[in-house]
Amino acid sequence: MSFESSDSPSTVDRPTGASASRRAYDYVKDRLLDGRFPGGTLLSENDIAQRLGCSRTPVRQAFVELQGEGLLDLYPRRGGLVIPVSPTEADDVLEARLLLEPYCSRRAAGLAGAALDAELQAAIAEQVTALGQPGTEFIKADRRFHRAIVAASGNVLLVRQYDALRDRHQRIAAATLARDPARIERFIAEHRAIAEALERGDATAAADLTASHLHSAHELARKARW
């Protein structure tokens, strides 16, 4: 009887069935959203399976699920093509965020207090720490900042709507920062201005600064090559 070495994946260690499919799904989707698998990339089932130490079947299942989410186009015997973010999709996301976030900023200025200020300052500190690191770290801290303001509005349904935009927002942000990583410092400065307006309870300024910030990010996104 022969045994595999401890350095190679064994059939016991490999996830099987639903767990293998979920692992493949999470692995690919994380990289689709943070830009490591950019639009136009052709992903191979075999390559992903080898990276994860599993068979091609769970990878194929993950690809089918991601196709259903509009992230991949599948080609038999070739793999999955990463669908680029279209200018229309970027415009739609901006429109949705402009309807949602300035309103929430206006409400948060009147409802929130020290707790929101502490959360925003913590998110900004994370953003500063992310300078010089992969853009994924800034994107996480950026989402923390914006979601905190939406949550501070006190409207659970609006928070759900914001969360529904998460995947699209993350892909757009990844493409934007890949084009101009230096823009992070400007985004941080804009976040500080929004936080200051909220802290002093200036609802109009908070809403206007939020809208201006979203437009600024969108203009850079439009220049990115999806």
C-alpha atoms as a PDB file:
ATOM      1  CA  MET A   1       0.000   0.000   0.000  1.00  0.00           C
ATOM      2  CA  SER A   2       1.317   3.448  -0.883  1.00  0.00           C
ATOM      3  CA  PHE A   3       0.633   6.713   0.914  1.00  0.00           C
ATOM      4  CA  GLU A   4       0.812  10.300  -0.271  1.00  0.00           C
ATOM      5  CA  SER A   5       3.342  12.596   1.344  1.00  0.00           C
ATOM      6  CA  SER A   6       2.131  15.127   3.893  1.00  0.00           C
ATOM      7  CA  ASP A   7       2.952  17.963   1.457  1.00  0.00           C
ATOM      8  CA  SER A   8       0.485  16.897  -1.216  1.00  0.00           C
ATOM      9  CA  PRO A   9      -3.307  17.191  -0.957  1.00  0.00           C
ATOM     10  CA  SER A  10      -4.928  13.874  -0.101  1.00  0.00           C
ATOM     11  CA  THR A  11      -8.427  12.807  -0.934  1.00  0.00           C
ATOM     12  CA  VAL A  12      -9.228  13.018   2.776  1.00  0.00           C
ATOM     13  CA  ASP A  13      -8.176  16.684   2.946  1.00  0.00           C
ATOM     14  CA  ARG A  14      -9.952  17.747  -0.210  1.00  0.00           C
ATOM     15  CA  PRO A  15     -13.443  19.184   0.144  1.00  0.00           C
ATOM     16  CA  THR A  16     -16.098  17.134  -1.577  1.00  0.00           C
ATOM     17  CA  GLY A  17     -19.591  17.730  -2.893  1.00  0.00           C
ATOM     18  CA  ALA A  18     -21.252  20.958  -1.838  1.00  0.00           C
ATOM     19  CA  SER A  19     -18.262  22.092   0.242  1.00  0.00           C
ATOM     20  CA  ALA A  20     -15.933  21.815  -2.770  1.00  0.00           C
ATOM     21  CA  SER A  21     -18.354  23.735  -4.958  1.00  0.00           C
ATOM     22  CA  ARG A  22     -18.695  26.475  -2.323  1.00  0.00           C
ATOM     23  CA  ARG A  23     -14.947  26.705  -1.934  1.00  0.00           C
ATOM     24  CA  ALA A  24     -14.514  27.054  -5.705  1.00  0.00           C
ATOM     25  CA  TYR A  25     -17.323  29.622  -5.846  1.00  0.00           C
ATOM     26  CA  ASP A  26     -15.828  31.729  -3.054  1.00  0.00           C
ATOM     27  CA  TYR A  27     -12.323  31.488  -4.517  1.00  0.00           C
ATOM     28  CA  VAL A  28     -13.338  32.624  -7.998  1.00  0.00           C
ATOM     29  CA  LYS A  29     -15.871  35.233  -6.908  1.00  0.00           C
ATOM     30  CA  ASP A  30     -13.450  36.914  -4.515  1.00  0.00           C
ATOM     31  CA  ARG A  31     -11.026  37.362  -7.392  1.00  0.00           C
ATOM     32  CA  LEU A  32     -13.714  38.550  -9.781  1.00  0.00           C
ATOM     33  CA  LEU A  33     -14.794  41.232  -7.334  1.00  0.00           C
ATOM     34  CA  ASP A  34     -11.373  42.507  -6.309  1.00  0.00           C
ATOM     35  CA  GLY A  35      -9.988  42.665  -9.836  1.00  0.00           C
ATOM     36  CA  ARG A  36      -7.471  39.824  -9.657  1.00  0.00           C
ATOM     37  CA  PHE A  37      -9.535  38.199 -12.430  1.00  0.00           C
ATOM     38  CA  PRO A  38     -10.201  41.296 -14.582  1.00  0.00           C
ATOM     39  CA  GLY A  39     -12.796  41.598 -17.312  1.00  0.00           C
ATOM     40  CA  GLY A  40     -11.884  39.677 -20.445  1.00  0.00           C
ATOM     41  CA  THR A  41      -9.924  36.968 -18.611  1.00  0.00           C
ATOM     42  CA  LEU A  42     -10.638  33.398 -19.704  1.00  0.00           C
ATOM     43  CA  LEU A  43     -10.709  31.126 -16.658  1.00  0.00           C
ATOM     44  CA  SER A  44      -9.910  27.448 -17.033  1.00  0.00           C
ATOM     45  CA  GLU A  45     -11.843  24.886 -15.005  1.00  0.00           C
ATOM     46  CA  ASN A  46      -8.776  22.683 -14.931  1.00  0.00           C
ATOM     47  CA  ASP A  47      -6.498  25.467 -13.731  1.00  0.00           C
ATOM     48  CA  ILE A  48      -8.848  26.462 -10.902  1.00  0.00           C
ATOM     49  CA  ALA A  49      -9.322  22.811  -9.926  1.00  0.00           C
ATOM     50  CA  GLN A  50      -5.549  22.319  -9.707  1.00  0.00           C
ATOM     51  CA  ARG A  51      -5.155  25.420  -7.568  1.00  0.00           C
ATOM     52  CA  LEU A  52      -7.814  24.205  -5.140  1.00  0.00           C
ATOM     53  CA  GLY A  53      -6.858  20.554  -5.174  1.00  0.00           C
ATOM     54  CA  CYS A  54     -10.283  19.353  -6.274  1.00  0.00           C
ATOM     55  CA  SER A  55     -11.929  17.861  -9.345  1.00  0.00           C
ATOM     56  CA  ARG A  56     -13.337  19.941 -12.192  1.00  0.00           C
ATOM     57  CA  THR A  57     -16.946  19.135 -11.273  1.00  0.00           C
ATOM     58  CA  PRO A  58     -17.282  21.559  -8.323  1.00  0.00           C
ATOM     59  CA  VAL A  59     -15.463  24.228 -10.327  1.00  0.00           C
ATOM     60  CA  ARG A  60     -17.928  23.760 -13.178  1.00  0.00           C
ATOM     61  CA  GLN A  61     -20.799  24.078 -10.697  1.00  0.00           C
ATOM     62  CA  ALA A  62     -19.287  27.295  -9.347  1.00  0.00           C
ATOM     63  CA  PHE A  63     -18.883  28.663 -12.878  1.00  0.00           C
ATOM     64  CA  VAL A  64     -22.551  27.970 -13.628  1.00  0.00           C
ATOM     65  CA  GLU A  65     -23.591  29.833 -10.481  1.00  0.00           C
ATOM     66  CA  LEU A  66     -21.372  32.782 -11.364  1.00  0.00           C
ATOM     67  CA  GLN A  67     -22.809  32.820 -14.868  1.00  0.00           C
ATOM     68  CA  GLY A  68     -26.245  33.140 -13.298  1.00  0.00           C
ATOM     69  CA  GLU A  69     -24.996  36.220 -11.416  1.00  0.00           C
ATOM     70  CA  GLY A  70     -23.821  37.824 -14.636  1.00  0.00           C
ATOM     71  CA  LEU A  71     -20.126  37.543 -13.805  1.00  0.00           C
ATOM     72  CA  LEU A  72     -19.052  34.842 -16.270  1.00  0.00           C
ATOM     73  CA  ASP A  73     -19.886  33.716 -19.795  1.00  0.00           C
ATOM     74  CA  LEU A  74     -19.335  29.965 -20.200  1.00  0.00           C
ATOM     75  CA  TYR A  75     -17.800  28.390 -23.278  1.00  0.00           C
ATOM     76  CA  PRO A  76     -17.879  24.566 -23.571  1.00  0.00           C
ATOM     77  CA  ARG A  77     -14.431  22.951 -23.342  1.00  0.00           C
ATOM     78  CA  ARG A  78     -12.812  26.394 -22.960  1.00  0.00           C
ATOM     79  CA  GLY A  79     -13.868  27.762 -19.581  1.00  0.00           C
ATOM     80  CA  GLY A  80     -15.472  30.915 -18.285  1.00  0.00           C
ATOM     81  CA  LEU A  81     -14.903  34.411 -19.666  1.00  0.00           C
ATOM     82  CA  VAL A  82     -15.004  37.190 -17.066  1.00  0.00           C
ATOM     83  CA  ILE A  83     -17.655  39.695 -18.138  1.00  0.00           C
ATOM     84  CA  PRO A  84     -16.264  43.235 -17.990  1.00  0.00           C
ATOM     85  CA  VAL A  85     -18.140  45.944 -16.129  1.00  0.00           C
ATOM     86  CA  SER A  86     -19.933  47.943 -18.810  1.00  0.00           C
ATOM     87  CA  PRO A  87     -20.192  51.753 -18.812  1.00  0.00           C
ATOM     88  CA  THR A  88     -23.967  51.324 -18.587  1.00  0.00           C
ATOM     89  CA  GLU A  89     -23.660  49.218 -15.443  1.00  0.00           C
ATOM     90  CA  ALA A  90     -21.314  51.773 -13.879  1.00  0.00           C
ATOM     91  CA  ASP A  91     -23.815  54.547 -14.675  1.00  0.00           C
ATOM     92  CA  ASP A  92     -26.660  52.505 -13.170  1.00  0.00           C
ATOM     93  CA  VAL A  93     -24.725  51.916  -9.966  1.00  0.00           C
ATOM     94  CA  LEU A  94     -23.936  55.627  -9.679  1.00  0.00           C
ATOM     95  CA  GLU A  95     -27.588  56.536 -10.185  1.00  0.00           C
ATOM     96  CA  ALA A  96     -28.664  54.083  -7.476  1.00  0.00           C
ATOM     97  CA  ARG A  97     -26.049  55.343  -5.040  1.00  0.00           C
ATOM     98  CA  LEU A  98     -26.947  58.991  -5.720  1.00  0.00           C
ATOM     99  CA  LEU A  99     -30.567  58.223  -4.887  1.00  0.00           C
ATOM    100  CA  LEU A 100     -29.566  56.450  -1.696  1.00  0.00           C
ATOM    101  CA  GLU A 101     -26.436  57.828  -0.075  1.00  0.00           C
ATOM    102  CA  PRO A 102     -26.892  61.630  -0.054  1.00  0.00           C
ATOM    103  CA  TYR A 103     -30.334  61.063   1.475  1.00  0.00           C
ATOM    104  CA  CYS A 104     -28.853  58.792   4.131  1.00  0.00           C
ATOM    105  CA  SER A 105     -26.091  61.329   4.828  1.00  0.00           C
ATOM    106  CA  ARG A 106     -28.713  64.018   5.346  1.00  0.00           C
ATOM    107  CA  ARG A 107     -30.662  61.817   7.776  1.00  0.00           C
ATOM    108  CA  ALA A 108     -27.536  60.604   9.576  1.00  0.00           C
ATOM    109  CA  ALA A 109     -26.480  64.183  10.302  1.00  0.00           C
ATOM    110  CA  GLY A 110     -29.598  64.613  12.379  1.00  0.00           C
ATOM    111  CA  LEU A 111     -29.815  61.175  13.968  1.00  0.00           C
ATOM    112  CA  ALA A 112     -26.290  59.953  14.629  1.00  0.00           C
ATOM    113  CA  GLY A 113     -23.805  61.009  17.267  1.00  0.00           C
ATOM    114  CA  ALA A 114     -20.538  59.872  18.774  1.00  0.00           C
ATOM    115  CA  ALA A 115     -21.002  56.241  17.713  1.00  0.00           C
ATOM    116  CA  LEU A 116     -21.147  57.118  14.018  1.00  0.00           C
ATOM    117  CA  ASP A 117     -18.206  59.504  14.294  1.00  0.00           C
ATOM    118  CA  ALA A 118     -16.117  56.780  15.954  1.00  0.00           C
ATOM    119  CA  GLU A 119     -17.029  54.268  13.254  1.00  0.00           C
ATOM    120  CA  LEU A 120     -16.216  56.696  10.438  1.00  0.00           C
ATOM    121  CA  GLN A 121     -12.883  57.636  11.996  1.00  0.00           C
ATOM    122  CA  ALA A 122     -12.030  53.945  12.381  1.00  0.00           C
ATOM    123  CA  ALA A 123     -12.868  53.346   8.713  1.00  0.00           C
ATOM    124  CA  ILE A 124     -10.736  56.319   7.656  1.00  0.00           C
ATOM    125  CA  ALA A 125      -7.845  55.029   9.777  1.00  0.00           C
ATOM    126  CA  GLU A 126      -8.111  51.698   7.935  1.00  0.00           C
ATOM    127  CA  GLN A 127      -8.021  53.562   4.635  1.00  0.00           C
ATOM    128  CA  VAL A 128      -4.861  55.403   5.649  1.00  0.00           C
ATOM    129  CA  THR A 129      -3.264  52.103   6.649  1.00  0.00           C
ATOM    130  CA  ALA A 130      -4.231  50.706   3.231  1.00  0.00           C
ATOM    131  CA  LEU A 131      -2.083  53.291   1.425  1.00  0.00           C
ATOM    132  CA  GLY A 132       0.627  51.421  -0.444  1.00  0.00           C
ATOM    133  CA  GLN A 133      -1.157  48.084   0.027  1.00  0.00           C
ATOM    134  CA  PRO A 134      -3.254  46.145  -2.493  1.00  0.00           C
ATOM    135  CA  GLY A 135      -6.420  48.036  -3.419  1.00  0.00           C
ATOM    136  CA  THR A 136      -8.596  45.340  -1.871  1.00  0.00           C
ATOM    137  CA  GLU A 137      -7.773  46.639   1.615  1.00  0.00           C
ATOM    138  CA  PHE A 138      -8.886  50.157   0.759  1.00  0.00           C
ATOM    139  CA  ILE A 139     -12.061  48.872  -0.892  1.00  0.00           C
ATOM    140  CA  LYS A 140     -13.050  47.051   2.320  1.00  0.00           C
ATOM    141  CA  ALA A 141     -12.455  50.170   4.415  1.00  0.00           C
ATOM    142  CA  ASP A 142     -14.267  52.333   1.858  1.00  0.00           C
ATOM    143  CA  ARG A 143     -17.309  50.089   2.038  1.00  0.00           C
ATOM    144  CA  ARG A 144     -17.200  50.209   5.844  1.00  0.00           C
ATOM    145  CA  PHE A 145     -17.303  54.014   5.714  1.00  0.00           C
ATOM    146  CA  HIS A 146     -20.222  54.311   3.302  1.00  0.00           C
ATOM    147  CA  ARG A 147     -22.258  51.518   4.841  1.00  0.00           C
ATOM    148  CA  ALA A 148     -21.927  53.083   8.302  1.00  0.00           C
ATOM    149  CA  ILE A 149     -23.580  56.255   7.009  1.00  0.00           C
ATOM    150  CA  VAL A 150     -26.389  54.328   5.343  1.00  0.00           C
ATOM    151  CA  ALA A 151     -26.948  52.293   8.514  1.00  0.00           C
ATOM    152  CA  ALA A 152     -26.980  55.481  10.619  1.00  0.00           C
ATOM    153  CA  SER A 153     -30.030  56.655   8.676  1.00  0.00           C
ATOM    154  CA  GLY A 154     -32.002  54.131  10.718  1.00  0.00           C
ATOM    155  CA  ASN A 155     -33.779  52.644   7.691  1.00  0.00           C
ATOM    156  CA  VAL A 156     -33.233  48.874   7.448  1.00  0.00           C
ATOM    157  CA  LEU A 157     -34.671  48.680   3.925  1.00  0.00           C
ATOM    158  CA  LEU A 158     -32.178  51.262   2.656  1.00  0.00           C
ATOM    159  CA  VAL A 159     -29.326  49.261   4.200  1.00  0.00           C
ATOM    160  CA  ARG A 160     -30.543  46.189   2.316  1.00  0.00           C
ATOM    161  CA  GLN A 161     -30.655  48.154  -0.915  1.00  0.00           C
ATOM    162  CA  TYR A 162     -27.100  49.355  -0.337  1.00  0.00           C
ATOM    163  CA  ASP A 163     -25.920  45.818   0.401  1.00  0.00           C
ATOM    164  CA  ALA A 164     -27.539  44.630  -2.836  1.00  0.00           C
ATOM    165  CA  LEU A 165     -25.148  46.892  -4.728  1.00  0.00           C
ATOM    166  CA  ARG A 166     -22.091  45.464  -2.971  1.00  0.00           C
ATOM    167  CA  ASP A 167     -20.762  43.160  -5.705  1.00  0.00           C
ATOM    168  CA  ARG A 168     -21.149  45.716  -8.476  1.00  0.00           C
ATOM    169  CA  HIS A 169     -19.705  48.481  -6.334  1.00  0.00           C
ATOM    170  CA  GLN A 170     -16.682  46.359  -5.451  1.00  0.00           C
ATOM    171  CA  ARG A 171     -15.896  45.461  -9.071  1.00  0.00           C
ATOM    172  CA  ILE A 172     -16.153  49.086 -10.161  1.00  0.00           C
ATOM    173  CA  ALA A 173     -13.974  50.247  -7.269  1.00  0.00           C
ATOM    174  CA  ALA A 174     -11.327  47.624  -8.071  1.00  0.00           C
ATOM    175  CA  ALA A 175     -11.165  48.730 -11.722  1.00  0.00           C
ATOM    176  CA  THR A 176     -11.024  52.372 -10.675  1.00  0.00           C
ATOM    177  CA  LEU A 177      -8.160  51.945  -8.224  1.00  0.00           C
ATOM    178  CA  ALA A 178      -6.249  49.708 -10.616  1.00  0.00           C
ATOM    179  CA  ARG A 179      -6.214  52.614 -13.060  1.00  0.00           C
ATOM    180  CA  ASP A 180      -5.160  55.288 -10.564  1.00  0.00           C
ATOM    181  CA  PRO A 181      -4.059  54.000  -7.115  1.00  0.00           C
ATOM    182  CA  ALA A 182      -2.859  57.499  -6.161  1.00  0.00           C
ATOM    183  CA  ARG A 183      -6.470  58.679  -6.141  1.00  0.00           C
ATOM    184  CA  ILE A 184      -6.923  56.908  -2.793  1.00  0.00           C
ATOM    185  CA  GLU A 185      -5.504  59.934  -0.957  1.00  0.00           C
ATOM    186  CA  ARG A 186      -8.103  62.192  -2.558  1.00  0.00           C
ATOM    187  CA  PHE A 187     -10.883  59.777  -1.619  1.00  0.00           C
ATOM    188  CA  ILE A 188      -9.662  59.769   1.990  1.00  0.00           C
ATOM    189  CA  ALA A 189      -9.701  63.577   2.064  1.00  0.00           C
ATOM    190  CA  GLU A 190     -13.275  63.555   0.743  1.00  0.00           C
ATOM    191  CA  HIS A 191     -14.263  61.002   3.393  1.00  0.00           C
ATOM    192  CA  ARG A 192     -12.804  63.240   6.100  1.00  0.00           C
ATOM    193  CA  ALA A 193     -14.850  66.180   4.833  1.00  0.00           C
ATOM    194  CA  ILE A 194     -18.045  64.106   4.888  1.00  0.00           C
ATOM    195  CA  ALA A 195     -17.284  62.857   8.401  1.00  0.00           C
ATOM    196  CA  GLU A 196     -16.671  66.414   9.630  1.00  0.00           C
ATOM    197  CA  ALA A 197     -19.986  67.609   8.188  1.00  0.00           C
ATOM    198  CA  LEU A 198     -21.796  64.743   9.886  1.00  0.00           C
ATOM    199  CA  GLU A 199     -20.044  65.392  13.193  1.00  0.00           C
ATOM    200  CA  ARG A 200     -21.166  69.025  13.258  1.00  0.00           C
ATOM    201  CA  GLY A 201     -24.685  68.045  12.186  1.00  0.00           C
ATOM    202  CA  ASP A 202     -24.617  69.911   8.866  1.00  0.00           C
ATOM    203  CA  ALA A 203     -27.109  67.827   6.872  1.00  0.00           C
ATOM    204  CA  THR A 204     -26.925  69.881   3.673  1.00  0.00           C
ATOM    205  CA  ALA A 205     -23.134  69.834   3.538  1.00  0.00           C
ATOM    206  CA  ALA A 206     -23.019  66.099   4.315  1.00  0.00           C
ATOM    207  CA  ALA A 207     -25.449  65.318   1.481  1.00  0.00           C
ATOM    208  CA  ASP A 208     -23.696  67.629  -1.003  1.00  0.00           C
ATOM    209  CA  LEU A 209     -20.230  66.326  -0.148  1.00  0.00           C
ATOM    210  CA  THR A 210     -21.425  62.730  -0.480  1.00  0.00           C
ATOM    211  CA  ALA A 211     -22.907  63.406  -3.920  1.00  0.00           C
ATOM    212  CA  SER A 212     -19.739  65.198  -5.051  1.00  0.00           C
ATOM    213  CA  HIS A 213     -17.604  62.311  -3.792  1.00  0.00           C
ATOM    214  CA  LEU A 214     -19.677  59.754  -5.700  1.00  0.00           C
ATOM    215  CA  HIS A 215     -19.446  61.812  -8.894  1.00  0.00           C
ATOM    216  CA  SER A 216     -15.674  62.125  -8.458  1.00  0.00           C
ATOM    217  CA  ALA A 217     -15.238  58.367  -8.130  1.00  0.00           C
ATOM    218  CA  HIS A 218     -17.549  57.752 -11.080  1.00  0.00           C
ATOM    219  CA  GLU A 219     -15.627  60.087 -13.387  1.00  0.00           C
ATOM    220  CA  LEU A 220     -12.471  58.106 -12.724  1.00  0.00           C
ATOM    221  CA  ALA A 221     -14.376  54.853 -13.205  1.00  0.00           C
ATOM    222  CA  ARG A 222     -15.566  55.979 -16.626  1.00  0.00           C
ATOM    223  CA  LYS A 223     -11.946  56.374 -17.697  1.00  0.00           C
ATOM    224  CA  ALA A 224     -11.097  52.841 -16.601  1.00  0.00           C
ATOM    225  CA  ARG A 225     -10.905  50.166 -19.263  1.00  0.00           C
ATOM    226  CA  TRP A 226     -13.571  47.679 -18.296  1.00  0.00           C
END
